[in-house]
């Protein structure tokens, strides 16, 4: 599995985790999670389009940051009462993904 494909898979997994958390959230929190899911979907679509057109050498440099940011999301989800932490962690991941996409686009 290539680096871009692995990143897209990682984001899909995050998306499913957030969808599961929506079932346990208040309506307002569920709406906030849904907005993050939409952002993740957008990044997955962008990565999918890059899969067929770009090399991934630059992605390796970001793997540690992506792994750490993904773990941060997992930690925040464990404490869903801290939804602001979940949103912040997702935004952190999306910022890193945006940087990777910008490098490769």
N, C-alpha and C. Protein backbone atom coordinates (compact mmCIF):
# COMPACT_ATOMS: atom_id res chain seq x y z
N UNK A 1 0.85 -1.17 0.00
CA UNK A 1 0.00 0.00 0.00
C UNK A 1 0.90 1.24 0.00
N UNK A 2 0.67 2.16 -0.90
CA UNK A 2 1.47 3.36 -0.99
C UNK A 2 1.17 4.33 0.14
N UNK A 3 2.04 5.31 0.29
CA UNK A 3 1.89 6.28 1.37
C UNK A 3 0.59 7.08 1.27
N UNK A 4 0.26 7.54 0.06
CA UNK A 4 -0.98 8.30 -0.10
C UNK A 4 -2.20 7.44 0.19
N UNK A 5 -2.16 6.21 -0.27
CA UNK A 5 -3.27 5.30 -0.02
C UNK A 5 -3.39 5.02 1.48
N UNK A 6 -2.28 4.86 2.14
CA UNK A 6 -2.29 4.63 3.59
C UNK A 6 -2.86 5.84 4.33
N UNK A 7 -2.50 7.04 3.90
CA UNK A 7 -3.03 8.25 4.50
C UNK A 7 -4.53 8.35 4.28
N UNK A 8 -4.98 8.07 3.07
CA UNK A 8 -6.42 8.11 2.79
C UNK A 8 -7.16 7.08 3.64
N UNK A 9 -6.58 5.90 3.80
CA UNK A 9 -7.19 4.87 4.64
C UNK A 9 -7.25 5.31 6.09
N UNK A 10 -6.19 5.95 6.55
CA UNK A 10 -6.15 6.47 7.92
C UNK A 10 -7.25 7.50 8.13
N UNK A 11 -7.44 8.38 7.16
CA UNK A 11 -8.49 9.39 7.28
C UNK A 11 -9.88 8.74 7.23
N UNK A 12 -10.05 7.71 6.40
CA UNK A 12 -11.34 7.01 6.35
C UNK A 12 -11.66 6.38 7.71
N UNK A 13 -10.65 5.82 8.33
CA UNK A 13 -10.83 5.22 9.66
C UNK A 13 -11.22 6.28 10.69
N UNK A 14 -10.56 7.42 10.63
CA UNK A 14 -10.90 8.53 11.52
C UNK A 14 -12.34 8.97 11.29
N UNK A 15 -12.73 9.06 10.02
CA UNK A 15 -14.10 9.45 9.68
C UNK A 15 -15.11 8.50 10.32
N UNK A 16 -14.85 7.20 10.24
CA UNK A 16 -15.77 6.22 10.82
C UNK A 16 -15.81 6.33 12.34
N UNK A 17 -14.67 6.60 12.95
CA UNK A 17 -14.64 6.78 14.40
C UNK A 17 -15.49 7.98 14.81
N UNK A 18 -15.37 9.08 14.08
CA UNK A 18 -16.17 10.26 14.39
C UNK A 18 -17.65 9.99 14.16
N UNK A 19 -17.98 9.24 13.12
CA UNK A 19 -19.39 8.89 12.88
C UNK A 19 -19.96 8.11 14.06
N UNK A 20 -19.18 7.19 14.59
CA UNK A 20 -19.61 6.41 15.75
C UNK A 20 -19.84 7.33 16.94
N UNK A 21 -18.95 8.29 17.13
CA UNK A 21 -19.08 9.21 18.26
C UNK A 21 -20.32 10.11 18.13
N UNK A 22 -20.77 10.36 16.91
CA UNK A 22 -21.96 11.18 16.72
C UNK A 22 -23.17 10.55 17.41
N UNK A 23 -23.21 9.23 17.48
CA UNK A 23 -24.34 8.54 18.12
C UNK A 23 -24.40 8.81 19.62
N UNK A 24 -23.27 9.14 20.23
CA UNK A 24 -23.19 9.36 21.67
C UNK A 24 -23.17 10.83 22.04
N UNK A 25 -23.28 11.71 21.06
CA UNK A 25 -23.13 13.15 21.29
C UNK A 25 -24.48 13.85 21.33
N UNK A 26 -24.49 15.04 21.91
CA UNK A 26 -25.67 15.88 21.87
C UNK A 26 -25.88 16.33 20.43
N UNK A 27 -27.04 16.92 20.16
CA UNK A 27 -27.33 17.38 18.79
C UNK A 27 -26.31 18.42 18.34
N UNK A 28 -25.98 19.35 19.22
CA UNK A 28 -25.01 20.40 18.86
C UNK A 28 -23.63 19.80 18.61
N UNK A 29 -23.22 18.90 19.49
CA UNK A 29 -21.91 18.26 19.31
C UNK A 29 -21.89 17.38 18.07
N UNK A 30 -23.01 16.73 17.81
CA UNK A 30 -23.12 15.90 16.61
C UNK A 30 -22.94 16.75 15.36
N UNK A 31 -23.52 17.93 15.36
CA UNK A 31 -23.36 18.84 14.21
C UNK A 31 -21.90 19.25 14.05
N UNK A 32 -21.21 19.50 15.15
CA UNK A 32 -19.79 19.89 15.08
C UNK A 32 -18.95 18.73 14.55
N UNK A 33 -19.26 17.52 15.00
CA UNK A 33 -18.54 16.36 14.50
C UNK A 33 -18.80 16.17 13.01
N UNK A 34 -20.03 16.39 12.59
CA UNK A 34 -20.39 16.22 11.18
C UNK A 34 -19.59 17.18 10.30
N UNK A 35 -19.39 18.40 10.76
CA UNK A 35 -18.58 19.35 9.98
C UNK A 35 -17.15 18.85 9.81
N UNK A 36 -16.60 18.22 10.84
CA UNK A 36 -15.26 17.67 10.73
C UNK A 36 -15.23 16.48 9.77
N UNK A 37 -16.30 15.69 9.78
CA UNK A 37 -16.41 14.56 8.84
C UNK A 37 -16.43 15.07 7.41
N UNK A 38 -17.15 16.16 7.17
CA UNK A 38 -17.16 16.75 5.82
C UNK A 38 -15.76 17.19 5.40
N UNK A 39 -15.01 17.78 6.33
CA UNK A 39 -13.64 18.21 6.02
C UNK A 39 -12.76 17.00 5.71
N UNK A 40 -12.91 15.94 6.49
CA UNK A 40 -12.14 14.72 6.24
C UNK A 40 -12.49 14.16 4.87
N UNK A 41 -13.78 14.12 4.53
CA UNK A 41 -14.21 13.63 3.21
C UNK A 41 -13.53 14.41 2.09
N UNK A 42 -13.45 15.72 2.26
CA UNK A 42 -12.83 16.56 1.24
C UNK A 42 -11.36 16.17 1.05
N UNK A 43 -10.64 15.97 2.18
CA UNK A 43 -9.23 15.59 2.08
C UNK A 43 -9.07 14.22 1.45
N UNK A 44 -9.94 13.29 1.78
CA UNK A 44 -9.86 11.94 1.19
C UNK A 44 -10.05 12.05 -0.33
N UNK A 45 -11.00 12.85 -0.77
CA UNK A 45 -11.22 13.02 -2.20
C UNK A 45 -9.98 13.62 -2.88
N UNK A 46 -9.37 14.60 -2.23
CA UNK A 46 -8.16 15.20 -2.81
C UNK A 46 -7.02 14.19 -2.88
N UNK A 47 -6.87 13.40 -1.82
CA UNK A 47 -5.82 12.38 -1.83
C UNK A 47 -6.08 11.33 -2.91
N UNK A 48 -7.33 10.95 -3.07
CA UNK A 48 -7.66 9.97 -4.10
C UNK A 48 -7.29 10.48 -5.49
N UNK A 49 -7.49 11.76 -5.73
CA UNK A 49 -7.13 12.30 -7.05
C UNK A 49 -5.62 12.35 -7.22
N UNK A 50 -4.89 12.53 -6.13
CA UNK A 50 -3.43 12.56 -6.21
C UNK A 50 -2.82 11.16 -6.36
N UNK A 51 -3.55 10.14 -5.92
CA UNK A 51 -3.02 8.78 -5.97
C UNK A 51 -2.57 8.39 -7.37
N UNK A 52 -3.22 8.91 -8.36
CA UNK A 52 -2.94 8.49 -9.73
C UNK A 52 -1.97 9.43 -10.45
N UNK A 53 -1.53 10.49 -9.74
CA UNK A 53 -0.74 11.46 -10.48
C UNK A 53 0.55 11.92 -9.80
N UNK A 54 0.86 11.41 -8.63
CA UNK A 54 1.96 12.01 -7.88
C UNK A 54 2.79 10.96 -7.16
N UNK A 55 4.07 11.21 -7.06
CA UNK A 55 4.93 10.40 -6.21
C UNK A 55 4.73 10.80 -4.76
N UNK A 56 5.26 10.00 -3.84
CA UNK A 56 4.97 10.24 -2.43
C UNK A 56 6.21 10.39 -1.56
N UNK A 57 7.32 10.73 -2.13
CA UNK A 57 8.55 10.83 -1.34
C UNK A 57 8.41 11.86 -0.22
N UNK A 58 7.73 12.97 -0.50
CA UNK A 58 7.61 14.01 0.51
C UNK A 58 6.69 13.60 1.66
N UNK A 59 5.79 12.65 1.41
CA UNK A 59 4.86 12.23 2.44
C UNK A 59 5.56 11.56 3.61
N UNK A 60 6.62 10.84 3.35
CA UNK A 60 7.32 10.11 4.41
C UNK A 60 7.78 11.05 5.52
N UNK A 61 8.16 12.25 5.17
CA UNK A 61 8.62 13.21 6.17
C UNK A 61 7.51 13.62 7.12
N UNK A 62 6.27 13.43 6.73
CA UNK A 62 5.13 13.84 7.55
C UNK A 62 4.48 12.69 8.30
N UNK A 63 4.95 11.48 8.07
CA UNK A 63 4.31 10.30 8.67
C UNK A 63 4.30 10.35 10.19
N UNK A 64 5.41 10.75 10.81
CA UNK A 64 5.46 10.81 12.28
C UNK A 64 4.45 11.81 12.82
N UNK A 65 4.38 12.98 12.18
CA UNK A 65 3.42 14.00 12.63
C UNK A 65 1.99 13.50 12.46
N UNK A 66 1.71 12.83 11.34
CA UNK A 66 0.37 12.30 11.12
C UNK A 66 0.02 11.22 12.14
N UNK A 67 0.98 10.36 12.44
CA UNK A 67 0.74 9.31 13.43
C UNK A 67 0.45 9.91 14.80
N UNK A 68 1.24 10.89 15.19
CA UNK A 68 1.05 11.54 16.48
C UNK A 68 -0.29 12.27 16.54
N UNK A 69 -0.65 12.95 15.45
CA UNK A 69 -1.92 13.68 15.42
C UNK A 69 -3.11 12.72 15.46
N UNK A 70 -2.98 11.58 14.79
CA UNK A 70 -4.05 10.58 14.82
C UNK A 70 -4.20 10.00 16.22
N UNK A 71 -3.09 9.75 16.89
CA UNK A 71 -3.16 9.27 18.26
C UNK A 71 -3.80 10.31 19.17
N UNK A 72 -3.55 11.58 18.89
CA UNK A 72 -4.15 12.67 19.65
C UNK A 72 -5.68 12.63 19.51
N UNK A 73 -6.15 12.37 18.28
CA UNK A 73 -7.59 12.26 18.07
C UNK A 73 -8.15 11.09 18.87
N UNK A 74 -7.46 9.97 18.84
CA UNK A 74 -7.91 8.80 19.60
C UNK A 74 -8.00 9.11 21.09
N UNK A 75 -7.01 9.81 21.62
CA UNK A 75 -7.04 10.19 23.03
C UNK A 75 -8.22 11.11 23.33
N UNK A 76 -8.48 12.06 22.45
CA UNK A 76 -9.57 13.00 22.67
C UNK A 76 -10.93 12.30 22.57
N UNK A 77 -11.04 11.34 21.67
CA UNK A 77 -12.31 10.63 21.52
C UNK A 77 -12.61 9.81 22.77
N UNK A 78 -11.57 9.28 23.40
CA UNK A 78 -11.79 8.51 24.63
C UNK A 78 -12.50 9.36 25.69
N UNK A 79 -12.37 10.64 25.60
CA UNK A 79 -13.03 11.54 26.53
C UNK A 79 -13.92 12.49 25.73
N UNK A 80 -15.04 11.96 25.24
CA UNK A 80 -15.91 12.72 24.33
C UNK A 80 -16.45 13.98 24.97
N UNK A 81 -16.43 14.06 26.29
CA UNK A 81 -16.88 15.28 26.93
C UNK A 81 -15.96 16.44 26.56
N UNK A 82 -14.76 16.13 26.16
CA UNK A 82 -13.83 17.16 25.70
C UNK A 82 -13.93 17.32 24.20
N UNK A 83 -15.11 17.51 23.67
CA UNK A 83 -15.31 17.58 22.22
C UNK A 83 -14.45 18.65 21.57
N UNK A 84 -14.20 19.73 22.28
CA UNK A 84 -13.34 20.76 21.70
C UNK A 84 -11.96 20.19 21.41
N UNK A 85 -11.49 19.26 22.25
CA UNK A 85 -10.20 18.62 21.99
C UNK A 85 -10.26 17.76 20.74
N UNK A 86 -11.38 17.06 20.54
CA UNK A 86 -11.55 16.23 19.33
C UNK A 86 -11.51 17.12 18.10
N UNK A 87 -12.27 18.20 18.13
CA UNK A 87 -12.31 19.11 16.98
C UNK A 87 -10.92 19.70 16.73
N UNK A 88 -10.24 20.11 17.78
CA UNK A 88 -8.89 20.66 17.63
C UNK A 88 -7.92 19.64 17.06
N UNK A 89 -8.02 18.40 17.54
CA UNK A 89 -7.12 17.35 17.05
C UNK A 89 -7.40 17.04 15.58
N UNK A 90 -8.67 17.01 15.20
CA UNK A 90 -9.02 16.76 13.79
C UNK A 90 -8.50 17.90 12.93
N UNK A 91 -8.67 19.12 13.39
CA UNK A 91 -8.17 20.27 12.62
C UNK A 91 -6.65 20.18 12.46
N UNK A 92 -5.96 19.69 13.49
CA UNK A 92 -4.51 19.52 13.40
C UNK A 92 -4.16 18.52 12.30
N UNK A 93 -4.86 17.38 12.29
CA UNK A 93 -4.62 16.37 11.25
C UNK A 93 -4.89 16.97 9.87
N UNK A 94 -6.02 17.68 9.75
CA UNK A 94 -6.37 18.24 8.44
C UNK A 94 -5.36 19.27 7.99
N UNK A 95 -4.80 20.02 8.92
CA UNK A 95 -3.74 20.98 8.57
C UNK A 95 -2.51 20.28 8.02
N UNK A 96 -2.13 19.18 8.66
CA UNK A 96 -0.99 18.40 8.18
C UNK A 96 -1.29 17.82 6.80
N UNK A 97 -2.49 17.26 6.63
CA UNK A 97 -2.88 16.69 5.34
C UNK A 97 -2.89 17.77 4.27
N UNK A 98 -3.40 18.96 4.60
CA UNK A 98 -3.37 20.06 3.64
C UNK A 98 -1.95 20.39 3.20
N UNK A 99 -1.01 20.38 4.15
CA UNK A 99 0.38 20.64 3.80
C UNK A 99 0.93 19.59 2.84
N UNK A 100 0.58 18.34 3.11
CA UNK A 100 1.04 17.25 2.22
C UNK A 100 0.42 17.41 0.84
N UNK A 101 -0.88 17.69 0.80
CA UNK A 101 -1.57 17.86 -0.48
C UNK A 101 -0.94 19.02 -1.26
N UNK A 102 -0.67 20.13 -0.56
CA UNK A 102 -0.04 21.27 -1.23
C UNK A 102 1.32 20.92 -1.80
N UNK A 103 2.08 20.08 -1.09
CA UNK A 103 3.38 19.69 -1.59
C UNK A 103 3.27 18.83 -2.85
N UNK A 104 2.24 18.02 -2.90
CA UNK A 104 2.12 17.05 -3.98
C UNK A 104 1.27 17.53 -5.15
N UNK A 105 0.48 18.55 -4.94
CA UNK A 105 -0.43 19.01 -6.00
C UNK A 105 0.29 19.90 -6.99
